Amino acid sequence: MKNKPTLELADAKKIAAAAEAEALKNNWAVSIAIVDDGGHLLHLQRLDGAAAVSAHIAPAKAHTSALGRRESKVYEDIINGGRYAFLTAPAVEGLLEGGVPIMKDGQCLGAVGVSGVKSSEDAQIARAGIAALGL
């Protein structure tokens, strides 16, 4: 049997604070979601001015990233490459860039999903949050 680290509330708070700081530094109104390795929501915040729909999209991006153990952009690229059948994959909703897995020693601990600005900027915010863990 293997041991695996898990995200704790303190970790989610640290990620959220760093992601929020990155968004505010750039004047980006976004929603930030943090999920565990099963895609279950641990933290959600919608910054002032963020569109209401972003609070639905950010958790979906995080969920997809955690379950797939890869950035949600991979799925966006698959679909943009013409493999439209992937849209029927079960339990996969956030098929846009902006979901980033939290990896440690080859294990997925969860993911961060961000929505509200350009997808590449969403991913930038997610990565800034994850970087705060110092993995």
N, C-alpha and C. Protein backbone atom coordinates (compact mmCIF):
# COMPACT_ATOMS: atom_id res chain seq x y z
N MET A 1 0.84 -1.17 0.00
CA MET A 1 0.00 0.00 0.00
C MET A 1 0.89 1.24 0.00
N LYS A 2 0.49 2.24 -0.77
CA LYS A 2 1.25 3.48 -0.86
C LYS A 2 0.60 4.56 -0.01
N ASN A 3 1.42 5.46 0.46
CA ASN A 3 0.92 6.66 1.13
C ASN A 3 0.90 7.79 0.13
N LYS A 4 -0.08 8.65 0.25
CA LYS A 4 -0.21 9.76 -0.68
C LYS A 4 -0.57 11.03 0.09
N PRO A 5 0.10 12.13 -0.20
CA PRO A 5 -0.27 13.38 0.46
C PRO A 5 -1.64 13.86 -0.02
N THR A 6 -2.33 14.57 0.81
CA THR A 6 -3.63 15.14 0.45
C THR A 6 -3.64 16.63 0.76
N LEU A 7 -4.49 17.32 0.06
CA LEU A 7 -4.66 18.75 0.33
C LEU A 7 -5.44 18.93 1.62
N GLU A 8 -5.01 19.89 2.41
CA GLU A 8 -5.73 20.26 3.62
C GLU A 8 -6.29 21.66 3.44
N LEU A 9 -7.16 22.05 4.34
CA LEU A 9 -7.78 23.37 4.25
C LEU A 9 -6.72 24.47 4.20
N ALA A 10 -5.67 24.35 4.98
CA ALA A 10 -4.61 25.36 4.97
C ALA A 10 -3.97 25.46 3.58
N ASP A 11 -3.82 24.34 2.90
CA ASP A 11 -3.26 24.34 1.54
C ASP A 11 -4.20 25.07 0.59
N ALA A 12 -5.48 24.77 0.67
CA ALA A 12 -6.46 25.42 -0.19
C ALA A 12 -6.48 26.93 0.04
N LYS A 13 -6.36 27.34 1.29
CA LYS A 13 -6.34 28.77 1.60
C LYS A 13 -5.09 29.44 1.03
N LYS A 14 -3.96 28.73 1.11
CA LYS A 14 -2.71 29.28 0.57
C LYS A 14 -2.79 29.43 -0.95
N ILE A 15 -3.32 28.40 -1.61
CA ILE A 15 -3.50 28.46 -3.07
C ILE A 15 -4.43 29.61 -3.44
N ALA A 16 -5.56 29.68 -2.74
CA ALA A 16 -6.56 30.71 -3.04
C ALA A 16 -5.99 32.11 -2.88
N ALA A 17 -5.23 32.33 -1.81
CA ALA A 17 -4.66 33.66 -1.57
C ALA A 17 -3.68 34.05 -2.67
N ALA A 18 -2.84 33.12 -3.08
CA ALA A 18 -1.85 33.42 -4.13
C ALA A 18 -2.54 33.62 -5.48
N ALA A 19 -3.55 32.82 -5.77
CA ALA A 19 -4.28 32.97 -7.03
C ALA A 19 -5.02 34.31 -7.05
N GLU A 20 -5.65 34.65 -5.95
CA GLU A 20 -6.35 35.93 -5.85
C GLU A 20 -5.37 37.09 -6.04
N ALA A 21 -4.20 37.00 -5.42
CA ALA A 21 -3.19 38.06 -5.55
C ALA A 21 -2.77 38.23 -7.00
N GLU A 22 -2.60 37.12 -7.71
CA GLU A 22 -2.21 37.19 -9.13
C GLU A 22 -3.32 37.85 -9.95
N ALA A 23 -4.56 37.49 -9.67
CA ALA A 23 -5.68 38.09 -10.40
C ALA A 23 -5.79 39.58 -10.11
N LEU A 24 -5.69 39.96 -8.84
CA LEU A 24 -5.82 41.37 -8.47
C LEU A 24 -4.67 42.21 -9.02
N LYS A 25 -3.47 41.62 -9.03
CA LYS A 25 -2.29 42.32 -9.57
C LYS A 25 -2.52 42.74 -11.02
N ASN A 26 -3.28 41.91 -11.74
CA ASN A 26 -3.54 42.16 -13.16
C ASN A 26 -4.91 42.77 -13.43
N ASN A 27 -5.63 43.10 -12.35
CA ASN A 27 -6.98 43.66 -12.48
C ASN A 27 -7.92 42.73 -13.25
N TRP A 28 -7.84 41.42 -12.93
CA TRP A 28 -8.68 40.42 -13.58
C TRP A 28 -9.76 39.97 -12.61
N ALA A 29 -11.01 40.08 -13.02
CA ALA A 29 -12.15 39.63 -12.23
C ALA A 29 -12.45 38.18 -12.62
N VAL A 30 -12.18 37.26 -11.72
CA VAL A 30 -12.32 35.83 -12.02
C VAL A 30 -12.95 35.08 -10.86
N SER A 31 -13.33 33.85 -11.14
CA SER A 31 -13.68 32.89 -10.10
C SER A 31 -12.57 31.87 -10.02
N ILE A 32 -12.26 31.43 -8.80
CA ILE A 32 -11.18 30.49 -8.54
C ILE A 32 -11.75 29.30 -7.78
N ALA A 33 -11.53 28.11 -8.31
CA ALA A 33 -12.02 26.89 -7.66
C ALA A 33 -10.85 25.96 -7.36
N ILE A 34 -10.90 25.32 -6.21
CA ILE A 34 -9.88 24.35 -5.83
C ILE A 34 -10.61 23.06 -5.47
N VAL A 35 -10.15 21.95 -6.06
CA VAL A 35 -10.77 20.65 -5.82
C VAL A 35 -9.74 19.65 -5.33
N ASP A 36 -10.21 18.55 -4.73
CA ASP A 36 -9.31 17.48 -4.32
C ASP A 36 -9.07 16.54 -5.52
N ASP A 37 -8.37 15.44 -5.29
CA ASP A 37 -8.01 14.55 -6.40
C ASP A 37 -9.20 13.84 -7.02
N GLY A 38 -10.34 13.84 -6.35
CA GLY A 38 -11.56 13.26 -6.91
C GLY A 38 -12.44 14.30 -7.57
N GLY A 39 -11.97 15.54 -7.63
CA GLY A 39 -12.73 16.61 -8.25
C GLY A 39 -13.76 17.24 -7.34
N HIS A 40 -13.72 16.93 -6.05
CA HIS A 40 -14.68 17.49 -5.10
C HIS A 40 -14.25 18.89 -4.66
N LEU A 41 -15.17 19.80 -4.68
CA LEU A 41 -14.89 21.21 -4.39
C LEU A 41 -14.43 21.41 -2.95
N LEU A 42 -13.28 22.04 -2.79
CA LEU A 42 -12.74 22.41 -1.48
C LEU A 42 -12.89 23.91 -1.22
N HIS A 43 -12.83 24.70 -2.30
CA HIS A 43 -12.84 26.16 -2.13
C HIS A 43 -13.33 26.80 -3.43
N LEU A 44 -14.17 27.81 -3.30
CA LEU A 44 -14.62 28.58 -4.46
C LEU A 44 -14.74 30.03 -4.06
N GLN A 45 -14.17 30.90 -4.86
CA GLN A 45 -14.36 32.33 -4.62
C GLN A 45 -14.58 33.03 -5.95
N ARG A 46 -15.51 33.96 -5.94
CA ARG A 46 -15.81 34.78 -7.12
C ARG A 46 -15.44 36.21 -6.76
N LEU A 47 -14.40 36.70 -7.42
CA LEU A 47 -13.93 38.05 -7.14
C LEU A 47 -14.95 39.08 -7.62
N ASP A 48 -14.92 40.25 -7.02
CA ASP A 48 -15.82 41.33 -7.42
C ASP A 48 -15.71 41.58 -8.91
N GLY A 49 -16.85 41.66 -9.56
CA GLY A 49 -16.88 41.95 -10.99
C GLY A 49 -16.81 40.73 -11.89
N ALA A 50 -16.57 39.57 -11.33
CA ALA A 50 -16.50 38.35 -12.15
C ALA A 50 -17.92 37.97 -12.59
N ALA A 51 -18.02 37.51 -13.82
CA ALA A 51 -19.31 37.09 -14.36
C ALA A 51 -19.86 35.91 -13.56
N ALA A 52 -21.16 35.86 -13.40
CA ALA A 52 -21.79 34.78 -12.64
C ALA A 52 -21.46 33.41 -13.22
N VAL A 53 -21.41 33.30 -14.52
CA VAL A 53 -21.14 32.00 -15.15
C VAL A 53 -19.74 31.49 -14.81
N SER A 54 -18.82 32.39 -14.48
CA SER A 54 -17.46 31.97 -14.15
C SER A 54 -17.43 31.10 -12.89
N ALA A 55 -18.42 31.27 -12.01
CA ALA A 55 -18.49 30.46 -10.79
C ALA A 55 -18.95 29.04 -11.08
N HIS A 56 -19.45 28.80 -12.28
CA HIS A 56 -19.79 27.45 -12.73
C HIS A 56 -18.66 26.85 -13.56
N ILE A 57 -18.01 27.68 -14.34
CA ILE A 57 -16.96 27.19 -15.24
C ILE A 57 -15.68 26.84 -14.49
N ALA A 58 -15.29 27.65 -13.51
CA ALA A 58 -14.04 27.39 -12.77
C ALA A 58 -14.04 26.02 -12.09
N PRO A 59 -15.10 25.65 -11.35
CA PRO A 59 -15.10 24.31 -10.76
C PRO A 59 -15.09 23.19 -11.79
N ALA A 60 -15.75 23.41 -12.93
CA ALA A 60 -15.76 22.39 -13.98
C ALA A 60 -14.36 22.19 -14.55
N LYS A 61 -13.63 23.28 -14.76
CA LYS A 61 -12.24 23.17 -15.24
C LYS A 61 -11.38 22.42 -14.22
N ALA A 62 -11.53 22.76 -12.94
CA ALA A 62 -10.75 22.11 -11.90
C ALA A 62 -11.09 20.62 -11.82
N HIS A 63 -12.36 20.29 -11.86
CA HIS A 63 -12.83 18.91 -11.81
C HIS A 63 -12.22 18.09 -12.94
N THR A 64 -12.30 18.61 -14.15
CA THR A 64 -11.75 17.92 -15.31
C THR A 64 -10.25 17.72 -15.17
N SER A 65 -9.56 18.73 -14.71
CA SER A 65 -8.10 18.65 -14.55
C SER A 65 -7.71 17.62 -13.50
N ALA A 66 -8.44 17.58 -12.40
CA ALA A 66 -8.13 16.62 -11.33
C ALA A 66 -8.38 15.19 -11.79
N LEU A 67 -9.53 14.95 -12.41
CA LEU A 67 -9.86 13.59 -12.83
C LEU A 67 -8.91 13.10 -13.93
N GLY A 68 -8.53 14.00 -14.82
CA GLY A 68 -7.64 13.63 -15.92
C GLY A 68 -6.17 13.70 -15.57
N ARG A 69 -5.86 14.33 -14.43
CA ARG A 69 -4.47 14.51 -13.99
C ARG A 69 -3.63 15.25 -15.02
N ARG A 70 -4.26 16.17 -15.70
CA ARG A 70 -3.55 17.01 -16.68
C ARG A 70 -4.32 18.31 -16.84
N GLU A 71 -3.68 19.24 -17.48
CA GLU A 71 -4.33 20.54 -17.68
C GLU A 71 -5.56 20.38 -18.57
N SER A 72 -6.58 21.13 -18.27
CA SER A 72 -7.82 21.05 -19.06
C SER A 72 -7.59 21.48 -20.51
N LYS A 73 -6.54 22.22 -20.76
CA LYS A 73 -6.22 22.64 -22.13
C LYS A 73 -5.99 21.44 -23.04
N VAL A 74 -5.49 20.35 -22.49
CA VAL A 74 -5.27 19.14 -23.29
C VAL A 74 -6.56 18.72 -23.97
N TYR A 75 -7.67 18.78 -23.23
CA TYR A 75 -8.95 18.36 -23.78
C TYR A 75 -9.46 19.37 -24.81
N GLU A 76 -9.24 20.64 -24.54
CA GLU A 76 -9.61 21.67 -25.51
C GLU A 76 -8.87 21.42 -26.82
N ASP A 77 -7.59 21.11 -26.72
CA ASP A 77 -6.79 20.85 -27.92
C ASP A 77 -7.26 19.60 -28.67
N ILE A 78 -7.66 18.56 -27.93
CA ILE A 78 -8.17 17.34 -28.56
C ILE A 78 -9.41 17.66 -29.40
N ILE A 79 -10.32 18.42 -28.81
CA ILE A 79 -11.56 18.77 -29.51
C ILE A 79 -11.27 19.69 -30.69
N ASN A 80 -10.41 20.70 -30.46
CA ASN A 80 -10.06 21.61 -31.55
C ASN A 80 -9.33 20.88 -32.68
N GLY A 81 -8.70 19.77 -32.35
CA GLY A 81 -8.02 18.96 -33.36
C GLY A 81 -8.97 18.09 -34.16
N GLY A 82 -10.26 18.16 -33.84
CA GLY A 82 -11.25 17.44 -34.63
C GLY A 82 -11.84 16.21 -33.98
N ARG A 83 -11.40 15.84 -32.82
CA ARG A 83 -11.95 14.65 -32.16
C ARG A 83 -13.17 15.06 -31.33
N TYR A 84 -14.25 15.36 -32.03
CA TYR A 84 -15.47 15.86 -31.40
C TYR A 84 -16.16 14.80 -30.54
N ALA A 85 -15.90 13.54 -30.80
CA ALA A 85 -16.50 12.47 -30.00
C ALA A 85 -16.10 12.60 -28.53
N PHE A 86 -14.97 13.27 -28.28
CA PHE A 86 -14.54 13.44 -26.89
C PHE A 86 -15.55 14.23 -26.08
N LEU A 87 -16.40 15.00 -26.73
CA LEU A 87 -17.42 15.77 -26.03
C LEU A 87 -18.40 14.86 -25.29
N THR A 88 -18.44 13.58 -25.64
CA THR A 88 -19.35 12.64 -24.99
C THR A 88 -18.70 11.93 -23.81
N ALA A 89 -17.45 12.22 -23.50
CA ALA A 89 -16.77 11.57 -22.37
C ALA A 89 -17.54 11.85 -21.08
N PRO A 90 -17.76 10.83 -20.26
CA PRO A 90 -18.53 11.04 -19.02
C PRO A 90 -17.75 11.84 -17.98
N ALA A 91 -18.48 12.62 -17.20
CA ALA A 91 -17.94 13.38 -16.05
C ALA A 91 -16.88 14.40 -16.44
N VAL A 92 -16.84 14.80 -17.68
CA VAL A 92 -15.86 15.79 -18.14
C VAL A 92 -16.64 16.97 -18.71
N GLU A 93 -16.54 18.12 -18.03
CA GLU A 93 -17.31 19.29 -18.45
C GLU A 93 -16.45 20.49 -18.79
N GLY A 94 -15.43 20.75 -18.03
CA GLY A 94 -14.62 21.95 -18.21
C GLY A 94 -13.53 21.73 -19.23
N LEU A 95 -13.91 21.76 -20.48
CA LEU A 95 -12.98 21.42 -21.56
C LEU A 95 -12.31 22.64 -22.15
N LEU A 96 -11.99 23.59 -21.31
CA LEU A 96 -11.33 24.83 -21.73
C LEU A 96 -10.06 25.01 -20.90
N GLU A 97 -9.09 25.69 -21.46
CA GLU A 97 -7.86 25.99 -20.71
C GLU A 97 -8.21 26.77 -19.46
N GLY A 98 -7.48 26.48 -18.38
CA GLY A 98 -7.69 27.19 -17.13
C GLY A 98 -7.80 26.26 -15.93
N GLY A 99 -7.79 24.95 -16.19
CA GLY A 99 -7.74 23.96 -15.12
C GLY A 99 -6.33 23.38 -15.06
N VAL A 100 -5.71 23.42 -13.88
CA VAL A 100 -4.32 22.97 -13.72
C VAL A 100 -4.24 22.00 -12.55
N PRO A 101 -3.69 20.79 -12.79
CA PRO A 101 -3.59 19.83 -11.69
C PRO A 101 -2.51 20.23 -10.68
N ILE A 102 -2.69 19.80 -9.46
CA ILE A 102 -1.70 19.99 -8.40
C ILE A 102 -0.97 18.66 -8.26
N MET A 103 0.26 18.60 -8.70
CA MET A 103 1.02 17.35 -8.73
C MET A 103 2.17 17.39 -7.73
N LYS A 104 2.39 16.24 -7.08
CA LYS A 104 3.52 16.08 -6.17
C LYS A 104 4.02 14.65 -6.30
N ASP A 105 5.27 14.49 -6.66
CA ASP A 105 5.89 13.18 -6.80
C ASP A 105 5.07 12.26 -7.71
N GLY A 106 4.57 12.81 -8.79
CA GLY A 106 3.81 12.02 -9.76
C GLY A 106 2.38 11.73 -9.36
N GLN A 107 1.95 12.24 -8.23
CA GLN A 107 0.58 12.01 -7.74
C GLN A 107 -0.24 13.30 -7.89
N CYS A 108 -1.47 13.16 -8.31
CA CYS A 108 -2.37 14.30 -8.39
C CYS A 108 -3.05 14.50 -7.05
N LEU A 109 -2.88 15.68 -6.47
CA LEU A 109 -3.49 16.00 -5.18
C LEU A 109 -4.82 16.73 -5.34
N GLY A 110 -5.06 17.25 -6.53
CA GLY A 110 -6.25 18.03 -6.80
C GLY A 110 -5.98 18.93 -7.99
N ALA A 111 -6.73 20.02 -8.08
CA ALA A 111 -6.54 20.94 -9.19
C ALA A 111 -7.12 22.30 -8.85
N VAL A 112 -6.70 23.29 -9.63
CA VAL A 112 -7.23 24.64 -9.53
C VAL A 112 -7.84 24.98 -10.88
N GLY A 113 -9.04 25.53 -10.85
CA GLY A 113 -9.70 25.99 -12.06
C GLY A 113 -10.02 27.46 -11.92
N VAL A 114 -9.78 28.21 -12.98
CA VAL A 114 -10.03 29.65 -12.97
C VAL A 114 -10.81 30.01 -14.23
N SER A 115 -11.74 30.93 -14.09
CA SER A 115 -12.53 31.39 -15.22
C SER A 115 -12.83 32.87 -15.06
N GLY A 116 -12.80 33.59 -16.18
CA GLY A 116 -13.19 34.99 -16.14
C GLY A 116 -12.44 35.88 -17.10
N VAL A 117 -11.25 35.46 -17.50
CA VAL A 117 -10.47 36.23 -18.47
C VAL A 117 -10.06 35.29 -19.60
N LYS A 118 -9.07 35.68 -20.41
CA LYS A 118 -8.60 34.78 -21.46
C LYS A 118 -8.15 33.46 -20.83
N SER A 119 -8.36 32.37 -21.53
CA SER A 119 -8.03 31.07 -20.97
C SER A 119 -6.57 30.97 -20.54
N SER A 120 -5.66 31.54 -21.30
CA SER A 120 -4.25 31.49 -20.93
C SER A 120 -4.00 32.28 -19.64
N GLU A 121 -4.76 33.35 -19.43
CA GLU A 121 -4.64 34.13 -18.20
C GLU A 121 -5.26 33.37 -17.02
N ASP A 122 -6.36 32.66 -17.29
CA ASP A 122 -6.95 31.81 -16.26
C ASP A 122 -5.90 30.81 -15.76
N ALA A 123 -5.22 30.16 -16.71
CA ALA A 123 -4.19 29.17 -16.36
C ALA A 123 -3.04 29.82 -15.60
N GLN A 124 -2.68 31.04 -15.97
CA GLN A 124 -1.62 31.78 -15.28
C GLN A 124 -1.98 31.97 -13.81
N ILE A 125 -3.22 32.32 -13.55
CA ILE A 125 -3.69 32.53 -12.18
C ILE A 125 -3.64 31.20 -11.41
N ALA A 126 -4.10 30.13 -12.04
CA ALA A 126 -4.10 28.81 -11.39
C ALA A 126 -2.69 28.39 -11.04
N ARG A 127 -1.76 28.57 -11.97
CA ARG A 127 -0.36 28.18 -11.72
C ARG A 127 0.23 29.01 -10.58
N ALA A 128 -0.11 30.30 -10.52
CA ALA A 128 0.40 31.16 -9.44
C ALA A 128 -0.09 30.65 -8.09
N GLY A 129 -1.34 30.21 -8.04
CA GLY A 129 -1.87 29.65 -6.80
C GLY A 129 -1.14 28.39 -6.39
N ILE A 130 -0.95 27.49 -7.33
CA ILE A 130 -0.27 26.23 -7.04
C ILE A 130 1.18 26.46 -6.61
N ALA A 131 1.83 27.44 -7.22
CA ALA A 131 3.22 27.74 -6.89
C ALA A 131 3.39 28.10 -5.42
N ALA A 132 2.35 28.62 -4.81
CA ALA A 132 2.42 29.02 -3.39
C ALA A 132 2.66 27.81 -2.48
N LEU A 133 2.37 26.61 -2.95
CA LEU A 133 2.62 25.41 -2.14
C LEU A 133 4.06 25.00 -2.13
N GLY A 134 4.84 25.52 -3.08
CA GLY A 134 6.27 25.19 -3.14
C GLY A 134 6.55 23.74 -3.46
N LEU A 135 5.70 23.14 -4.24
CA LEU A 135 5.92 21.74 -4.62
C LEU A 135 7.01 21.70 -5.64
